């Protein structure tokens, strides 16, 4: 039933994989969706029917958006639409935004350009570009940008990564205070290197 399917997702999200498998198997056996199959049924199928289940307690899984990332257990996490928000005790904010409505012919450069245009339209106070370049995340090409701006007299630094995989675009945003950016940047870059664009 749909109820069992939702329970399976909930248990999977909090790491109770045996309960997740039990409710998922029951949902598949009954197979009586009210309005057709769930959009992320194949993602859950891959996980719960696989030979092994994840053993990383600090890995955050987003089934609907199809990505996972390792985050400290004491970080606050929330989901709003297609975006995942996480924050640390000392003014660190991480946002992972998933875009699956891109044109098929959209390139990484075009995906990057669209977001830069959106940033410019925001009219950020004291905006300054500090650098941009290329990287590799989850085995695919990625672009990055670093910029600063002011919020309520506080200078903030932002590092963004852009990548595309399986017809989806991902924007990984890291924001912190100017005085701690150099130290915190290494942590974020390490998280990005372990980000996966599929829940495996």
C-alpha atoms as a PDB file:
ATOM      1  CA  UNK A   1       0.000   0.000   0.000  1.00  0.00           C
ATOM      2  CA  UNK A   2       1.050   3.625  -0.276  1.00  0.00           C
ATOM      3  CA  UNK A   3       1.159   3.747   3.537  1.00  0.00           C
ATOM      4  CA  UNK A   4       3.754   0.944   3.626  1.00  0.00           C
ATOM      5  CA  UNK A   5       5.755   2.620   0.902  1.00  0.00           C
ATOM      6  CA  UNK A   6       5.876   5.904   2.818  1.00  0.00           C
ATOM      7  CA  UNK A   7       6.892   4.028   5.965  1.00  0.00           C
ATOM      8  CA  UNK A   8       9.659   2.312   4.017  1.00  0.00           C
ATOM      9  CA  UNK A   9      11.027   5.678   2.905  1.00  0.00           C
ATOM     10  CA  UNK A  10      10.808   7.081   6.430  1.00  0.00           C
ATOM     11  CA  UNK A  11      12.606   4.115   8.003  1.00  0.00           C
ATOM     12  CA  UNK A  12      15.204   4.157   5.243  1.00  0.00           C
ATOM     13  CA  UNK A  13      15.892   7.845   5.834  1.00  0.00           C
ATOM     14  CA  UNK A  14      16.641   7.332   9.540  1.00  0.00           C
ATOM     15  CA  UNK A  15      18.787   4.267   8.908  1.00  0.00           C
ATOM     16  CA  UNK A  16      16.421   1.488  10.049  1.00  0.00           C
ATOM     17  CA  UNK A  17      16.971  -0.596   6.940  1.00  0.00           C
ATOM     18  CA  UNK A  18      15.412  -3.870   8.127  1.00  0.00           C
ATOM     19  CA  UNK A  19      12.103  -2.124   8.841  1.00  0.00           C
ATOM     20  CA  UNK A  20      12.418  -0.242   5.558  1.00  0.00           C
ATOM     21  CA  UNK A  21      12.848  -3.492   3.634  1.00  0.00           C
ATOM     22  CA  UNK A  22       9.907  -5.114   5.442  1.00  0.00           C
ATOM     23  CA  UNK A  23       7.462  -2.324   4.585  1.00  0.00           C
ATOM     24  CA  UNK A  24       8.812  -1.949   1.072  1.00  0.00           C
ATOM     25  CA  UNK A  25       8.365  -5.652   0.339  1.00  0.00           C
ATOM     26  CA  UNK A  26       4.804  -5.441   1.627  1.00  0.00           C
ATOM     27  CA  UNK A  27       4.078  -2.374  -0.508  1.00  0.00           C
ATOM     28  CA  UNK A  28       5.394  -4.088  -3.634  1.00  0.00           C
ATOM     29  CA  UNK A  29       3.426  -7.267  -2.897  1.00  0.00           C
ATOM     30  CA  UNK A  30       0.131  -5.370  -2.516  1.00  0.00           C
ATOM     31  CA  UNK A  31       1.023  -2.916  -5.307  1.00  0.00           C
ATOM     32  CA  UNK A  32      -2.153  -0.857  -5.019  1.00  0.00           C
ATOM     33  CA  UNK A  33      -1.111   2.744  -5.629  1.00  0.00           C
ATOM     34  CA  UNK A  34      -3.877   5.323  -5.585  1.00  0.00           C
ATOM     35  CA  UNK A  35      -2.497   7.320  -8.496  1.00  0.00           C
ATOM     36  CA  UNK A  36       0.154   5.262 -10.258  1.00  0.00           C
ATOM     37  CA  UNK A  37       3.700   4.268  -9.181  1.00  0.00           C
ATOM     38  CA  UNK A  38       5.747   6.613  -7.042  1.00  0.00           C
ATOM     39  CA  UNK A  39       8.233   8.743  -8.970  1.00  0.00           C
ATOM     40  CA  UNK A  40      11.239   7.423  -7.029  1.00  0.00           C
ATOM     41  CA  UNK A  41      10.169   3.768  -6.826  1.00  0.00           C
ATOM     42  CA  UNK A  42      13.210   2.629  -8.818  1.00  0.00           C
ATOM     43  CA  UNK A  43      15.621   4.380  -6.472  1.00  0.00           C
ATOM     44  CA  UNK A  44      14.205   2.648  -3.424  1.00  0.00           C
ATOM     45  CA  UNK A  45      14.074  -0.612  -5.357  1.00  0.00           C
ATOM     46  CA  UNK A  46      17.803  -0.424  -6.056  1.00  0.00           C
ATOM     47  CA  UNK A  47      18.572   0.083  -2.379  1.00  0.00           C
ATOM     48  CA  UNK A  48      16.221  -2.295  -0.636  1.00  0.00           C
ATOM     49  CA  UNK A  49      16.593  -5.173  -3.086  1.00  0.00           C
ATOM     50  CA  UNK A  50      20.360  -4.869  -3.338  1.00  0.00           C
ATOM     51  CA  UNK A  51      22.707  -7.399  -1.685  1.00  0.00           C
ATOM     52  CA  UNK A  52      23.958  -4.806   0.784  1.00  0.00           C
ATOM     53  CA  UNK A  53      22.483  -1.811   2.533  1.00  0.00           C
ATOM     54  CA  UNK A  54      24.384   1.377   3.453  1.00  0.00           C
ATOM     55  CA  UNK A  55      26.503   1.192   6.581  1.00  0.00           C
ATOM     56  CA  UNK A  56      27.528   4.856   6.866  1.00  0.00           C
ATOM     57  CA  UNK A  57      25.532   6.332   9.766  1.00  0.00           C
ATOM     58  CA  UNK A  58      26.610   9.896   8.908  1.00  0.00           C
ATOM     59  CA  UNK A  59      25.469   9.766   5.269  1.00  0.00           C
ATOM     60  CA  UNK A  60      22.347  11.761   4.437  1.00  0.00           C
ATOM     61  CA  UNK A  61      20.201  10.118   1.723  1.00  0.00           C
ATOM     62  CA  UNK A  62      17.705  12.053  -0.376  1.00  0.00           C
ATOM     63  CA  UNK A  63      15.612   9.437  -2.165  1.00  0.00           C
ATOM     64  CA  UNK A  64      13.400  11.777  -4.159  1.00  0.00           C
ATOM     65  CA  UNK A  65      16.281  13.883  -5.506  1.00  0.00           C
ATOM     66  CA  UNK A  66      18.634  10.949  -5.922  1.00  0.00           C
ATOM     67  CA  UNK A  67      21.783  11.978  -4.043  1.00  0.00           C
ATOM     68  CA  UNK A  68      23.595  11.318  -0.795  1.00  0.00           C
ATOM     69  CA  UNK A  69      26.240  13.223   1.125  1.00  0.00           C
ATOM     70  CA  UNK A  70      28.136  12.652   4.348  1.00  0.00           C
ATOM     71  CA  UNK A  71      27.237  15.183   7.031  1.00  0.00           C
ATOM     72  CA  UNK A  72      28.102  15.285  10.742  1.00  0.00           C
ATOM     73  CA  UNK A  73      25.324  13.770  12.860  1.00  0.00           C
ATOM     74  CA  UNK A  74      24.918  16.928  14.963  1.00  0.00           C
ATOM     75  CA  UNK A  75      24.117  19.131  11.961  1.00  0.00           C
ATOM     76  CA  UNK A  76      20.541  20.328  11.519  1.00  0.00           C
ATOM     77  CA  UNK A  77      18.995  19.076   8.246  1.00  0.00           C
ATOM     78  CA  UNK A  78      15.762  19.976   6.471  1.00  0.00           C
ATOM     79  CA  UNK A  79      14.127  19.654   3.046  1.00  0.00           C
ATOM     80  CA  UNK A  80      12.228  22.394   1.228  1.00  0.00           C
ATOM     81  CA  UNK A  81      10.942  21.431  -2.186  1.00  0.00           C
ATOM     82  CA  UNK A  82      13.858  20.014  -4.154  1.00  0.00           C
ATOM     83  CA  UNK A  83      16.471  21.682  -1.966  1.00  0.00           C
ATOM     84  CA  UNK A  84      18.189  20.162   1.080  1.00  0.00           C
ATOM     85  CA  UNK A  85      19.418  22.526   3.806  1.00  0.00           C
ATOM     86  CA  UNK A  86      21.972  21.711   6.488  1.00  0.00           C
ATOM     87  CA  UNK A  87      23.583  23.931   9.089  1.00  0.00           C
ATOM     88  CA  UNK A  88      26.368  23.484  11.602  1.00  0.00           C
ATOM     89  CA  UNK A  89      26.666  24.977  15.095  1.00  0.00           C
ATOM     90  CA  UNK A  90      29.088  27.726  13.958  1.00  0.00           C
ATOM     91  CA  UNK A  91      27.276  29.564  11.158  1.00  0.00           C
ATOM     92  CA  UNK A  92      27.936  27.093   8.341  1.00  0.00           C
ATOM     93  CA  UNK A  93      25.124  26.577   5.851  1.00  0.00           C
ATOM     94  CA  UNK A  94      24.992  23.936   3.125  1.00  0.00           C
ATOM     95  CA  UNK A  95      22.322  23.825   0.419  1.00  0.00           C
ATOM     96  CA  UNK A  96      21.992  21.114  -2.221  1.00  0.00           C
ATOM     97  CA  UNK A  97      19.529  22.072  -4.939  1.00  0.00           C
ATOM     98  CA  UNK A  98      18.394  19.510  -7.519  1.00  0.00           C
ATOM     99  CA  UNK A  99      17.027  20.569 -10.903  1.00  0.00           C
ATOM    100  CA  UNK A 100      15.441  17.895 -13.078  1.00  0.00           C
ATOM    101  CA  UNK A 101      13.516  20.172 -15.458  1.00  0.00           C
ATOM    102  CA  UNK A 102      16.509  21.181 -17.575  1.00  0.00           C
ATOM    103  CA  UNK A 103      16.385  20.945 -21.381  1.00  0.00           C
ATOM    104  CA  UNK A 104      17.968  17.734 -22.684  1.00  0.00           C
ATOM    105  CA  UNK A 105      20.543  19.734 -24.626  1.00  0.00           C
ATOM    106  CA  UNK A 106      21.573  21.784 -21.558  1.00  0.00           C
ATOM    107  CA  UNK A 107      25.330  21.607 -20.969  1.00  0.00           C
ATOM    108  CA  UNK A 108      27.226  22.072 -17.719  1.00  0.00           C
ATOM    109  CA  UNK A 109      28.412  25.464 -18.949  1.00  0.00           C
ATOM    110  CA  UNK A 110      24.834  26.542 -19.688  1.00  0.00           C
ATOM    111  CA  UNK A 111      23.635  25.233 -16.300  1.00  0.00           C
ATOM    112  CA  UNK A 112      26.413  27.230 -14.635  1.00  0.00           C
ATOM    113  CA  UNK A 113      25.671  30.369 -16.687  1.00  0.00           C
ATOM    114  CA  UNK A 114      21.977  30.314 -15.734  1.00  0.00           C
ATOM    115  CA  UNK A 115      22.770  30.312 -12.021  1.00  0.00           C
ATOM    116  CA  UNK A 116      25.354  33.092 -12.400  1.00  0.00           C
ATOM    117  CA  UNK A 117      22.698  35.201 -14.099  1.00  0.00           C
ATOM    118  CA  UNK A 118      20.329  34.500 -11.196  1.00  0.00           C
ATOM    119  CA  UNK A 119      23.019  35.545  -8.687  1.00  0.00           C
ATOM    120  CA  UNK A 120      23.581  38.813 -10.551  1.00  0.00           C
ATOM    121  CA  UNK A 121      19.854  39.565 -10.478  1.00  0.00           C
ATOM    122  CA  UNK A 122      19.732  39.144  -6.687  1.00  0.00           C
ATOM    123  CA  UNK A 123      21.560  42.436  -6.207  1.00  0.00           C
ATOM    124  CA  UNK A 124      23.749  41.158  -3.375  1.00  0.00           C
ATOM    125  CA  UNK A 125      25.364  43.887  -1.272  1.00  0.00           C
ATOM    126  CA  UNK A 126      29.155  44.222  -1.723  1.00  0.00           C
ATOM    127  CA  UNK A 127      29.212  41.288  -4.151  1.00  0.00           C
ATOM    128  CA  UNK A 128      32.739  40.268  -5.153  1.00  0.00           C
ATOM    129  CA  UNK A 129      33.914  37.331  -7.254  1.00  0.00           C
ATOM    130  CA  UNK A 130      36.973  35.614  -5.754  1.00  0.00           C
ATOM    131  CA  UNK A 131      37.523  32.776  -8.195  1.00  0.00           C
ATOM    132  CA  UNK A 132      36.098  30.032 -10.396  1.00  0.00           C
ATOM    133  CA  UNK A 133      37.354  26.766 -11.811  1.00  0.00           C
ATOM    134  CA  UNK A 134      36.740  23.105 -12.558  1.00  0.00           C
ATOM    135  CA  UNK A 135      36.731  19.938 -10.473  1.00  0.00           C
ATOM    136  CA  UNK A 136      35.513  16.316 -10.459  1.00  0.00           C
ATOM    137  CA  UNK A 137      32.628  15.133  -8.249  1.00  0.00           C
ATOM    138  CA  UNK A 138      31.158  11.636  -8.339  1.00  0.00           C
ATOM    139  CA  UNK A 139      33.197  10.886 -11.433  1.00  0.00           C
ATOM    140  CA  UNK A 140      31.836  13.743 -13.552  1.00  0.00           C
ATOM    141  CA  UNK A 141      33.039  17.214 -14.461  1.00  0.00           C
ATOM    142  CA  UNK A 142      31.994  20.008 -12.117  1.00  0.00           C
ATOM    143  CA  UNK A 143      32.429  23.778 -12.058  1.00  0.00           C
ATOM    144  CA  UNK A 144      32.913  25.929  -8.957  1.00  0.00           C
ATOM    145  CA  UNK A 145      32.717  29.581  -8.017  1.00  0.00           C
ATOM    146  CA  UNK A 146      33.654  31.557  -4.886  1.00  0.00           C
ATOM    147  CA  UNK A 147      32.126  34.925  -4.076  1.00  0.00           C
ATOM    148  CA  UNK A 148      31.467  37.162  -1.078  1.00  0.00           C
ATOM    149  CA  UNK A 149      28.674  39.530  -0.095  1.00  0.00           C
ATOM    150  CA  UNK A 150      27.352  41.302   2.987  1.00  0.00           C
ATOM    151  CA  UNK A 151      24.313  40.387   5.099  1.00  0.00           C
ATOM    152  CA  UNK A 152      23.438  42.707   8.002  1.00  0.00           C
ATOM    153  CA  UNK A 153      26.996  44.108   8.059  1.00  0.00           C
ATOM    154  CA  UNK A 154      28.500  40.596   8.204  1.00  0.00           C
ATOM    155  CA  UNK A 155      30.745  39.498   5.349  1.00  0.00           C
ATOM    156  CA  UNK A 156      29.825  36.034   4.038  1.00  0.00           C
ATOM    157  CA  UNK A 157      31.776  33.741   1.729  1.00  0.00           C
ATOM    158  CA  UNK A 158      30.051  31.318  -0.640  1.00  0.00           C
ATOM    159  CA  UNK A 159      31.513  28.362  -2.525  1.00  0.00           C
ATOM    160  CA  UNK A 160      29.290  26.670  -5.110  1.00  0.00           C
ATOM    161  CA  UNK A 161      29.781  23.480  -7.096  1.00  0.00           C
ATOM    162  CA  UNK A 162      27.786  22.677 -10.244  1.00  0.00           C
ATOM    163  CA  UNK A 163      27.474  19.232 -11.795  1.00  0.00           C
ATOM    164  CA  UNK A 164      25.115  17.312 -14.053  1.00  0.00           C
ATOM    165  CA  UNK A 165      24.431  13.600 -14.089  1.00  0.00           C
ATOM    166  CA  UNK A 166      21.601  11.383 -15.345  1.00  0.00           C
ATOM    167  CA  UNK A 167      19.750  14.394 -16.797  1.00  0.00           C
ATOM    168  CA  UNK A 168      19.750  16.186 -13.444  1.00  0.00           C
ATOM    169  CA  UNK A 169      21.578  19.309 -12.364  1.00  0.00           C
ATOM    170  CA  UNK A 170      22.999  19.668  -8.860  1.00  0.00           C
ATOM    171  CA  UNK A 171      24.147  22.871  -7.155  1.00  0.00           C
ATOM    172  CA  UNK A 172      26.097  22.375  -3.915  1.00  0.00           C
ATOM    173  CA  UNK A 173      26.296  25.626  -1.968  1.00  0.00           C
ATOM    174  CA  UNK A 174      28.527  26.239   1.047  1.00  0.00           C
ATOM    175  CA  UNK A 175      28.252  29.505   2.991  1.00  0.00           C
ATOM    176  CA  UNK A 176      30.098  30.683   6.085  1.00  0.00           C
ATOM    177  CA  UNK A 177      31.675  33.774   7.642  1.00  0.00           C
ATOM    178  CA  UNK A 178      34.658  35.415   5.996  1.00  0.00           C
ATOM    179  CA  UNK A 179      36.905  34.880   9.028  1.00  0.00           C
ATOM    180  CA  UNK A 180      36.349  31.104   9.093  1.00  0.00           C
ATOM    181  CA  UNK A 181      36.053  30.389   5.367  1.00  0.00           C
ATOM    182  CA  UNK A 182      39.613  29.195   4.793  1.00  0.00           C
ATOM    183  CA  UNK A 183      39.357  26.650   7.619  1.00  0.00           C
ATOM    184  CA  UNK A 184      35.819  25.480   6.814  1.00  0.00           C
ATOM    185  CA  UNK A 185      36.358  25.282   3.048  1.00  0.00           C
ATOM    186  CA  UNK A 186      38.480  22.141   3.372  1.00  0.00           C
ATOM    187  CA  UNK A 187      35.658  20.376   5.211  1.00  0.00           C
ATOM    188  CA  UNK A 188      33.125  21.281   2.551  1.00  0.00           C
ATOM    189  CA  UNK A 189      35.381  20.252  -0.320  1.00  0.00           C
ATOM    190  CA  UNK A 190      35.884  16.893   1.374  1.00  0.00           C
ATOM    191  CA  UNK A 191      32.087  16.471   1.694  1.00  0.00           C
ATOM    192  CA  UNK A 192      31.624  17.326  -1.971  1.00  0.00           C
ATOM    193  CA  UNK A 193      34.179  14.755  -3.074  1.00  0.00           C
ATOM    194  CA  UNK A 194      32.092  12.094  -1.278  1.00  0.00           C
ATOM    195  CA  UNK A 195      28.728  13.332  -2.588  1.00  0.00           C
ATOM    196  CA  UNK A 196      26.953  10.762  -4.779  1.00  0.00           C
ATOM    197  CA  UNK A 197      24.351  11.671  -7.381  1.00  0.00           C
ATOM    198  CA  UNK A 198      22.617   8.335  -6.879  1.00  0.00           C
ATOM    199  CA  UNK A 199      21.558   6.671  -3.641  1.00  0.00           C
ATOM    200  CA  UNK A 200      23.779   3.601  -3.784  1.00  0.00           C
END
